[in-house]
Amino acid sequence: MSRVIHFEIHVDDMERAKKFYSEVFGWTFQDWSEFAGMPYFGAVTGDDEEPGINGALMQRQSAPPEVNQALSAYACTIGIDDYDSIEAKILSNDGKVAMPKQALSGMAWQGYYFDTEGNIFGIHQPDENAQ
């Protein structure tokens, strides 16, 4: 089997996107623009000893997606420990709700949001008591 090993988030405003993801999720960034030949920042999303992958923010190459258009990409979901506090950080950093918090009965809390660049991402808090 082949596993996902990297993700790219297309952005219009690199500094705004870096601020959003660092403030909300604590990610750090490394400038890989020289290697990519365009604005491209590697995203370190956690400790290498924990499950998960790293990715990057890359300069968007075309018009941003329209609101309410069908998703034409993979939607990444980020594992979190405290849904309500992360949602508050998302909203206070200019993110918006795409699909509100819902219980995946007996498994987790899940919801989807728009980042500052108009991209959709999910957050997921495991909770066997979710109803």
N, C-alpha and C. Protein backbone atom coordinates (compact mmCIF):
# COMPACT_ATOMS: atom_id res chain seq x y z
N MET A 1 0.83 -1.18 0.00
CA MET A 1 0.00 0.00 0.00
C MET A 1 0.88 1.25 0.00
N SER A 2 0.33 2.31 -0.53
CA SER A 2 1.03 3.60 -0.55
C SER A 2 0.33 4.54 0.42
N ARG A 3 1.13 5.28 1.22
CA ARG A 3 0.57 6.19 2.22
C ARG A 3 0.80 7.63 1.82
N VAL A 4 -0.08 8.51 2.27
CA VAL A 4 0.12 9.94 2.09
C VAL A 4 1.32 10.36 2.94
N ILE A 5 2.29 11.06 2.34
CA ILE A 5 3.50 11.43 3.07
C ILE A 5 3.73 12.94 3.13
N HIS A 6 2.92 13.72 2.42
CA HIS A 6 3.13 15.16 2.37
C HIS A 6 1.83 15.81 1.91
N PHE A 7 1.56 17.02 2.34
CA PHE A 7 0.41 17.77 1.84
C PHE A 7 0.86 19.17 1.46
N GLU A 8 0.09 19.81 0.60
CA GLU A 8 0.33 21.20 0.21
C GLU A 8 -0.96 21.98 0.34
N ILE A 9 -0.87 23.15 0.98
CA ILE A 9 -2.00 24.04 1.11
C ILE A 9 -1.71 25.24 0.21
N HIS A 10 -2.58 25.49 -0.75
CA HIS A 10 -2.38 26.60 -1.69
C HIS A 10 -2.88 27.88 -1.04
N VAL A 11 -2.06 28.93 -1.07
CA VAL A 11 -2.39 30.17 -0.37
C VAL A 11 -2.17 31.39 -1.26
N ASP A 12 -2.94 32.43 -0.97
CA ASP A 12 -2.77 33.71 -1.66
C ASP A 12 -1.79 34.59 -0.90
N ASP A 13 -1.88 34.61 0.41
CA ASP A 13 -1.06 35.48 1.25
C ASP A 13 -0.26 34.60 2.21
N MET A 14 1.01 34.39 1.89
CA MET A 14 1.85 33.45 2.64
C MET A 14 1.96 33.84 4.11
N GLU A 15 2.20 35.10 4.41
CA GLU A 15 2.36 35.51 5.81
C GLU A 15 1.07 35.33 6.59
N ARG A 16 -0.05 35.65 5.99
CA ARG A 16 -1.35 35.48 6.64
C ARG A 16 -1.61 33.99 6.92
N ALA A 17 -1.30 33.13 5.97
CA ALA A 17 -1.51 31.70 6.14
C ALA A 17 -0.58 31.12 7.21
N LYS A 18 0.69 31.53 7.19
CA LYS A 18 1.64 31.07 8.22
C LYS A 18 1.15 31.48 9.60
N LYS A 19 0.68 32.71 9.73
CA LYS A 19 0.17 33.19 11.02
C LYS A 19 -1.03 32.35 11.47
N PHE A 20 -1.97 32.08 10.56
CA PHE A 20 -3.16 31.30 10.89
C PHE A 20 -2.78 29.92 11.43
N TYR A 21 -1.98 29.17 10.67
CA TYR A 21 -1.65 27.80 11.07
C TYR A 21 -0.72 27.74 12.28
N SER A 22 0.13 28.73 12.46
CA SER A 22 0.98 28.72 13.66
C SER A 22 0.17 29.10 14.90
N GLU A 23 -0.73 30.08 14.78
CA GLU A 23 -1.54 30.51 15.92
C GLU A 23 -2.55 29.44 16.33
N VAL A 24 -3.19 28.81 15.36
CA VAL A 24 -4.24 27.83 15.66
C VAL A 24 -3.68 26.48 16.08
N PHE A 25 -2.70 25.96 15.35
CA PHE A 25 -2.22 24.59 15.58
C PHE A 25 -0.79 24.50 16.10
N GLY A 26 -0.08 25.62 16.17
CA GLY A 26 1.29 25.60 16.67
C GLY A 26 2.31 25.12 15.65
N TRP A 27 1.96 25.08 14.36
CA TRP A 27 2.89 24.64 13.34
C TRP A 27 4.03 25.64 13.19
N THR A 28 5.18 25.14 12.77
CA THR A 28 6.32 26.00 12.43
C THR A 28 6.62 25.82 10.94
N PHE A 29 7.37 26.78 10.39
CA PHE A 29 7.59 26.78 8.94
C PHE A 29 9.06 26.98 8.60
N GLN A 30 9.47 26.33 7.51
CA GLN A 30 10.84 26.44 7.00
C GLN A 30 10.76 26.89 5.54
N ASP A 31 11.54 27.88 5.18
CA ASP A 31 11.51 28.44 3.83
C ASP A 31 12.21 27.50 2.85
N TRP A 32 11.44 26.89 1.97
CA TRP A 32 11.96 26.01 0.93
C TRP A 32 11.78 26.63 -0.45
N SER A 33 11.58 27.95 -0.50
CA SER A 33 11.29 28.64 -1.76
C SER A 33 12.39 28.45 -2.80
N GLU A 34 13.65 28.44 -2.36
CA GLU A 34 14.77 28.27 -3.29
C GLU A 34 14.68 26.95 -4.04
N PHE A 35 14.28 25.89 -3.32
CA PHE A 35 14.18 24.57 -3.95
C PHE A 35 12.96 24.46 -4.87
N ALA A 36 11.86 25.13 -4.49
CA ALA A 36 10.61 25.03 -5.24
C ALA A 36 10.54 26.03 -6.41
N GLY A 37 11.34 27.08 -6.36
CA GLY A 37 11.29 28.09 -7.40
C GLY A 37 10.08 28.99 -7.31
N MET A 38 9.46 29.05 -6.14
CA MET A 38 8.29 29.90 -5.88
C MET A 38 8.16 30.00 -4.36
N PRO A 39 7.33 30.91 -3.85
CA PRO A 39 7.12 30.94 -2.40
C PRO A 39 6.56 29.59 -1.92
N TYR A 40 7.31 28.93 -1.04
CA TYR A 40 6.98 27.57 -0.60
C TYR A 40 7.59 27.37 0.79
N PHE A 41 6.74 27.15 1.78
CA PHE A 41 7.21 27.01 3.16
C PHE A 41 6.81 25.65 3.72
N GLY A 42 7.80 24.85 4.09
CA GLY A 42 7.56 23.55 4.70
C GLY A 42 6.87 23.74 6.04
N ALA A 43 5.84 22.95 6.30
CA ALA A 43 5.07 23.01 7.54
C ALA A 43 5.45 21.83 8.43
N VAL A 44 6.00 22.12 9.61
CA VAL A 44 6.30 21.09 10.60
C VAL A 44 5.09 21.04 11.53
N THR A 45 4.36 19.92 11.50
CA THR A 45 3.09 19.82 12.21
C THR A 45 3.17 19.11 13.55
N GLY A 46 4.32 18.57 13.89
CA GLY A 46 4.45 17.88 15.17
C GLY A 46 5.75 17.11 15.25
N ASP A 47 5.91 16.41 16.34
CA ASP A 47 7.10 15.60 16.60
C ASP A 47 7.13 14.40 15.66
N ASP A 48 8.29 14.09 15.11
CA ASP A 48 8.43 12.96 14.18
C ASP A 48 8.08 11.62 14.82
N GLU A 49 8.08 11.56 16.14
CA GLU A 49 7.76 10.30 16.83
C GLU A 49 6.25 10.08 16.95
N GLU A 50 5.45 11.08 16.64
CA GLU A 50 3.99 10.96 16.73
C GLU A 50 3.41 10.67 15.35
N PRO A 51 2.23 10.02 15.29
CA PRO A 51 1.59 9.80 13.99
C PRO A 51 1.27 11.13 13.32
N GLY A 52 1.34 11.16 12.01
CA GLY A 52 1.01 12.36 11.26
C GLY A 52 2.06 12.65 10.21
N ILE A 53 1.80 13.65 9.39
CA ILE A 53 2.73 14.02 8.33
C ILE A 53 2.96 15.53 8.34
N ASN A 54 4.05 15.93 7.74
CA ASN A 54 4.34 17.33 7.53
C ASN A 54 3.92 17.70 6.10
N GLY A 55 3.87 19.00 5.83
CA GLY A 55 3.47 19.43 4.50
C GLY A 55 4.08 20.76 4.16
N ALA A 56 3.32 21.58 3.44
CA ALA A 56 3.83 22.87 3.03
C ALA A 56 2.70 23.83 2.68
N LEU A 57 3.03 25.11 2.74
CA LEU A 57 2.20 26.16 2.18
C LEU A 57 2.86 26.55 0.86
N MET A 58 2.08 26.58 -0.21
CA MET A 58 2.65 26.99 -1.49
C MET A 58 1.82 28.10 -2.10
N GLN A 59 2.47 28.96 -2.87
CA GLN A 59 1.78 30.07 -3.50
C GLN A 59 0.73 29.54 -4.47
N ARG A 60 -0.51 30.02 -4.33
CA ARG A 60 -1.60 29.60 -5.22
C ARG A 60 -1.26 30.03 -6.64
N GLN A 61 -1.53 29.15 -7.61
CA GLN A 61 -1.17 29.39 -9.00
C GLN A 61 -2.35 29.83 -9.86
N SER A 62 -3.54 29.94 -9.28
CA SER A 62 -4.72 30.38 -10.04
C SER A 62 -5.69 31.05 -9.07
N ALA A 63 -6.87 31.34 -9.55
CA ALA A 63 -7.88 31.99 -8.71
C ALA A 63 -8.26 31.08 -7.53
N PRO A 64 -8.56 31.67 -6.37
CA PRO A 64 -8.99 30.85 -5.23
C PRO A 64 -10.35 30.22 -5.49
N PRO A 65 -10.69 29.16 -4.76
CA PRO A 65 -11.99 28.52 -4.95
C PRO A 65 -13.13 29.46 -4.56
N GLU A 66 -14.25 29.32 -5.23
CA GLU A 66 -15.45 30.10 -4.91
C GLU A 66 -16.12 29.49 -3.69
N VAL A 67 -16.76 30.33 -2.89
CA VAL A 67 -17.52 29.84 -1.73
C VAL A 67 -18.66 28.97 -2.24
N ASN A 68 -18.90 27.86 -1.58
CA ASN A 68 -19.95 26.89 -1.88
C ASN A 68 -19.73 26.08 -3.15
N GLN A 69 -18.56 26.16 -3.76
CA GLN A 69 -18.31 25.28 -4.89
C GLN A 69 -17.89 23.91 -4.35
N ALA A 70 -18.04 22.90 -5.19
CA ALA A 70 -17.64 21.56 -4.78
C ALA A 70 -16.14 21.50 -4.52
N LEU A 71 -15.75 20.72 -3.56
CA LEU A 71 -14.34 20.55 -3.23
C LEU A 71 -13.67 19.75 -4.34
N SER A 72 -12.57 20.27 -4.86
CA SER A 72 -11.83 19.59 -5.91
C SER A 72 -10.41 19.36 -5.43
N ALA A 73 -10.29 18.63 -4.34
CA ALA A 73 -9.00 18.39 -3.70
C ALA A 73 -9.21 17.39 -2.58
N TYR A 74 -8.15 17.05 -1.89
CA TYR A 74 -8.26 16.27 -0.66
C TYR A 74 -8.54 17.24 0.47
N ALA A 75 -9.41 16.87 1.37
CA ALA A 75 -9.61 17.68 2.58
C ALA A 75 -8.79 17.03 3.69
N CYS A 76 -7.83 17.76 4.23
CA CYS A 76 -7.02 17.25 5.34
C CYS A 76 -7.76 17.48 6.65
N THR A 77 -7.70 16.51 7.53
CA THR A 77 -8.29 16.62 8.85
C THR A 77 -7.18 16.56 9.87
N ILE A 78 -7.22 17.47 10.84
CA ILE A 78 -6.18 17.62 11.84
C ILE A 78 -6.68 17.08 13.17
N GLY A 79 -5.94 16.14 13.76
CA GLY A 79 -6.28 15.58 15.05
C GLY A 79 -6.00 16.59 16.16
N ILE A 80 -6.94 16.76 17.07
CA ILE A 80 -6.82 17.73 18.16
C ILE A 80 -7.27 17.10 19.47
N ASP A 81 -6.94 17.77 20.59
CA ASP A 81 -7.32 17.27 21.91
C ASP A 81 -8.53 17.97 22.51
N ASP A 82 -8.79 19.23 22.11
CA ASP A 82 -9.87 20.02 22.71
C ASP A 82 -10.60 20.79 21.62
N TYR A 83 -11.70 20.22 21.14
CA TYR A 83 -12.43 20.77 20.01
C TYR A 83 -12.80 22.23 20.21
N ASP A 84 -13.44 22.53 21.34
CA ASP A 84 -13.97 23.87 21.54
C ASP A 84 -12.87 24.94 21.59
N SER A 85 -11.73 24.63 22.21
CA SER A 85 -10.67 25.64 22.27
C SER A 85 -10.03 25.84 20.90
N ILE A 86 -9.88 24.79 20.11
CA ILE A 86 -9.32 24.93 18.76
C ILE A 86 -10.29 25.68 17.86
N GLU A 87 -11.58 25.38 17.97
CA GLU A 87 -12.56 26.12 17.18
C GLU A 87 -12.50 27.61 17.52
N ALA A 88 -12.38 27.94 18.79
CA ALA A 88 -12.27 29.34 19.19
C ALA A 88 -11.03 29.99 18.57
N LYS A 89 -9.92 29.28 18.53
CA LYS A 89 -8.70 29.82 17.90
C LYS A 89 -8.89 30.01 16.40
N ILE A 90 -9.55 29.06 15.75
CA ILE A 90 -9.82 29.17 14.32
C ILE A 90 -10.61 30.45 14.05
N LEU A 91 -11.70 30.63 14.80
CA LEU A 91 -12.58 31.77 14.55
C LEU A 91 -11.92 33.09 14.93
N SER A 92 -11.12 33.10 15.98
CA SER A 92 -10.46 34.35 16.39
C SER A 92 -9.29 34.71 15.47
N ASN A 93 -8.87 33.76 14.62
CA ASN A 93 -7.80 34.03 13.65
C ASN A 93 -8.36 34.11 12.23
N ASP A 94 -9.61 34.53 12.13
CA ASP A 94 -10.27 34.82 10.84
C ASP A 94 -10.65 33.59 10.03
N GLY A 95 -10.67 32.39 10.65
CA GLY A 95 -11.22 31.23 9.98
C GLY A 95 -12.74 31.29 10.07
N LYS A 96 -13.41 30.45 9.28
CA LYS A 96 -14.87 30.43 9.26
C LYS A 96 -15.37 28.98 9.27
N VAL A 97 -16.56 28.79 9.81
CA VAL A 97 -17.17 27.45 9.85
C VAL A 97 -17.66 27.07 8.46
N ALA A 98 -17.29 25.88 8.00
CA ALA A 98 -17.80 25.32 6.75
C ALA A 98 -18.89 24.29 7.05
N MET A 99 -18.66 23.45 8.06
CA MET A 99 -19.64 22.47 8.54
C MET A 99 -19.45 22.38 10.05
N PRO A 100 -20.47 22.72 10.83
CA PRO A 100 -20.28 22.81 12.28
C PRO A 100 -19.97 21.47 12.94
N LYS A 101 -19.52 21.58 14.17
CA LYS A 101 -19.19 20.42 15.02
C LYS A 101 -20.34 19.43 15.02
N GLN A 102 -19.98 18.17 14.82
CA GLN A 102 -20.98 17.11 14.89
C GLN A 102 -20.37 15.89 15.55
N ALA A 103 -21.22 15.11 16.18
CA ALA A 103 -20.76 13.88 16.83
C ALA A 103 -20.69 12.77 15.80
N LEU A 104 -19.57 12.07 15.78
CA LEU A 104 -19.48 10.80 15.08
C LEU A 104 -19.72 9.80 16.20
N SER A 105 -20.95 9.41 16.35
CA SER A 105 -21.45 8.71 17.53
C SER A 105 -20.52 7.60 18.02
N GLY A 106 -20.12 7.75 19.29
CA GLY A 106 -19.27 6.77 19.94
C GLY A 106 -17.82 6.80 19.50
N MET A 107 -17.46 7.82 18.69
CA MET A 107 -16.10 7.84 18.17
C MET A 107 -15.39 9.18 18.36
N ALA A 108 -16.03 10.29 17.93
CA ALA A 108 -15.29 11.56 17.89
C ALA A 108 -16.22 12.74 17.62
N TRP A 109 -15.64 13.94 17.76
CA TRP A 109 -16.25 15.19 17.31
C TRP A 109 -15.52 15.61 16.05
N GLN A 110 -16.27 16.03 15.03
CA GLN A 110 -15.70 16.38 13.73
C GLN A 110 -16.37 17.65 13.22
N GLY A 111 -15.62 18.49 12.55
CA GLY A 111 -16.17 19.68 11.90
C GLY A 111 -15.20 20.14 10.82
N TYR A 112 -15.68 21.05 9.97
CA TYR A 112 -14.88 21.55 8.86
C TYR A 112 -14.89 23.08 8.86
N TYR A 113 -13.78 23.67 8.45
CA TYR A 113 -13.59 25.12 8.52
C TYR A 113 -12.89 25.62 7.27
N PHE A 114 -13.05 26.93 7.00
CA PHE A 114 -12.28 27.61 5.97
C PHE A 114 -11.11 28.30 6.66
N ASP A 115 -9.91 28.16 6.09
CA ASP A 115 -8.77 28.93 6.60
C ASP A 115 -8.83 30.34 6.00
N THR A 116 -7.85 31.16 6.27
CA THR A 116 -7.83 32.53 5.78
C THR A 116 -7.69 32.62 4.27
N GLU A 117 -7.33 31.51 3.63
CA GLU A 117 -7.10 31.49 2.18
C GLU A 117 -8.27 30.87 1.42
N GLY A 118 -9.35 30.51 2.13
CA GLY A 118 -10.52 29.92 1.49
C GLY A 118 -10.46 28.41 1.33
N ASN A 119 -9.45 27.75 1.92
CA ASN A 119 -9.32 26.30 1.85
C ASN A 119 -10.12 25.65 2.97
N ILE A 120 -10.67 24.48 2.71
CA ILE A 120 -11.42 23.73 3.71
C ILE A 120 -10.51 22.70 4.36
N PHE A 121 -10.60 22.60 5.70
CA PHE A 121 -9.88 21.57 6.45
C PHE A 121 -10.80 21.10 7.57
N GLY A 122 -10.52 19.90 8.08
CA GLY A 122 -11.31 19.35 9.17
C GLY A 122 -10.52 19.33 10.47
N ILE A 123 -11.26 19.30 11.58
CA ILE A 123 -10.65 19.01 12.88
C ILE A 123 -11.39 17.83 13.48
N HIS A 124 -10.67 17.02 14.25
CA HIS A 124 -11.19 15.74 14.75
C HIS A 124 -10.68 15.50 16.15
N GLN A 125 -11.61 15.44 17.11
CA GLN A 125 -11.25 15.13 18.50
C GLN A 125 -11.82 13.77 18.86
N PRO A 126 -10.97 12.75 19.05
CA PRO A 126 -11.48 11.45 19.47
C PRO A 126 -12.23 11.58 20.80
N ASP A 127 -13.40 10.94 20.89
CA ASP A 127 -14.20 10.94 22.12
C ASP A 127 -15.24 9.84 22.00
N GLU A 128 -15.03 8.74 22.70
CA GLU A 128 -15.99 7.62 22.61
C GLU A 128 -17.34 7.96 23.21
N ASN A 129 -17.44 9.09 23.93
CA ASN A 129 -18.72 9.52 24.50
C ASN A 129 -19.46 10.52 23.62
N ALA A 130 -18.93 10.81 22.44
CA ALA A 130 -19.59 11.77 21.52
C ALA A 130 -20.95 11.22 21.11
N GLN A 131 -21.96 12.05 21.25
CA GLN A 131 -23.34 11.67 20.86
C GLN A 131 -24.02 12.82 20.17
